[in-house]
C-alpha cells in the first residue's frame, strides 16, 4: 500500500485534479527556465488554504480555476 505522500502529484491541483500549470514544477522537470508562475500574483486566503488536504500541503499547488472559484464564493458559503 502506497503512503499518501507518494500519491501526491505536484503537477495536479489537490482539489480538482486538473493540471495546476505550475511553472516551478515545469522548470524542475524540464530544466528549461520558465516565466514567473501564475500563482505569484494570486491571492490565497486562509480559508482557501484550509481547503487543501493536509497530505498535499506544501506538495502540490492549486490550479487557477479553483483559486478563482474560491474568490467568487460568498463569505457566508465559506463558513459552512
Protein backbone atom coordinates (compact mmCIF):
# COMPACT_ATOMS: atom_id res chain seq x y z
CA UNK A 1 0.00 0.00 0.00
CA UNK A 2 1.46 3.39 -1.04
CA UNK A 3 1.50 6.12 1.55
CA UNK A 4 -0.48 9.32 0.99
CA UNK A 5 2.61 11.40 0.24
CA UNK A 6 3.67 9.19 -2.67
CA UNK A 7 0.19 9.62 -4.15
CA UNK A 8 0.56 13.42 -4.35
CA UNK A 9 1.22 14.62 -7.90
CA UNK A 10 2.83 18.08 -7.72
CA UNK A 11 1.56 18.90 -11.23
CA UNK A 12 -2.11 18.35 -10.27
CA UNK A 13 -4.44 20.52 -8.22
CA UNK A 14 -5.20 18.70 -4.96
CA UNK A 15 -8.79 19.99 -5.03
CA UNK A 16 -9.96 19.10 -8.54
CA UNK A 17 -7.12 17.03 -10.06
CA UNK A 18 -6.61 19.37 -13.04
CA UNK A 19 -3.17 20.41 -14.30
CA UNK A 20 -2.10 23.22 -11.97
CA UNK A 21 0.18 24.78 -14.60
CA UNK A 22 2.94 25.23 -12.02
CA UNK A 23 5.88 26.91 -13.73
CA UNK A 24 8.18 25.95 -10.87
CA UNK A 25 7.39 22.24 -11.28
CA UNK A 26 7.71 22.52 -15.06
CA UNK A 27 11.15 24.13 -14.74
CA UNK A 28 12.29 21.43 -12.30
CA UNK A 29 11.03 18.67 -14.59
CA UNK A 30 12.43 20.03 -17.84
CA UNK A 31 15.39 22.15 -16.79
CA UNK A 32 14.03 24.91 -19.04
CA UNK A 33 13.70 28.35 -17.44
CA UNK A 34 10.08 29.46 -17.11
CA UNK A 35 8.50 32.87 -16.61
CA UNK A 36 7.16 33.53 -13.09
CA UNK A 37 4.33 31.17 -12.16
CA UNK A 38 0.75 32.49 -12.36
CA UNK A 39 0.43 31.92 -8.62
CA UNK A 40 2.98 34.62 -7.81
CA UNK A 41 0.24 37.21 -8.44
CA UNK A 42 -2.63 35.18 -6.93
CA UNK A 43 -4.19 35.76 -3.51
CA UNK A 44 -4.57 32.68 -1.34
CA UNK A 45 -6.83 33.39 1.63
CA UNK A 46 -6.53 31.41 4.85
CA UNK A 47 -9.97 29.92 4.09
CA UNK A 48 -8.73 28.72 0.68
CA UNK A 49 -5.55 27.26 2.17
CA UNK A 50 -7.69 25.39 4.70
CA UNK A 51 -9.43 23.53 1.84
CA UNK A 52 -6.18 21.88 0.74
CA UNK A 53 -5.96 18.29 2.00
CA UNK A 54 -3.33 18.09 4.73
CA UNK A 55 -1.28 15.48 2.86
CA UNK A 56 -0.97 17.81 -0.16
CA UNK A 57 0.01 20.97 1.74
CA UNK A 58 3.41 22.12 0.56
CA UNK A 59 3.47 19.32 -2.02
CA UNK A 60 1.06 20.40 -4.80
CA UNK A 61 -0.26 23.76 -5.98
CA UNK A 62 -3.88 24.64 -6.58
CA UNK A 63 -4.99 25.39 -10.12
CA UNK A 64 -6.04 28.89 -11.20
CA UNK A 65 -9.64 27.74 -11.70
CA UNK A 66 -10.00 26.60 -8.08
CA UNK A 67 -8.44 29.84 -6.84
CA UNK A 68 -10.86 31.89 -9.00
CA UNK A 69 -13.85 29.82 -7.90
CA UNK A 70 -12.95 30.30 -4.27
CA UNK A 71 -12.57 34.05 -4.78
CA UNK A 72 -16.11 34.15 -6.21
CA UNK A 73 -17.60 32.16 -3.29
CA UNK A 74 -19.62 34.42 -0.98
CA UNK A 75 -18.18 34.60 2.54
CA UNK A 76 -21.36 33.10 4.03
CA UNK A 77 -20.84 29.92 1.95
CA UNK A 78 -17.22 29.66 3.13
CA UNK A 79 -18.41 29.50 6.73
CA UNK A 80 -20.36 26.27 6.12
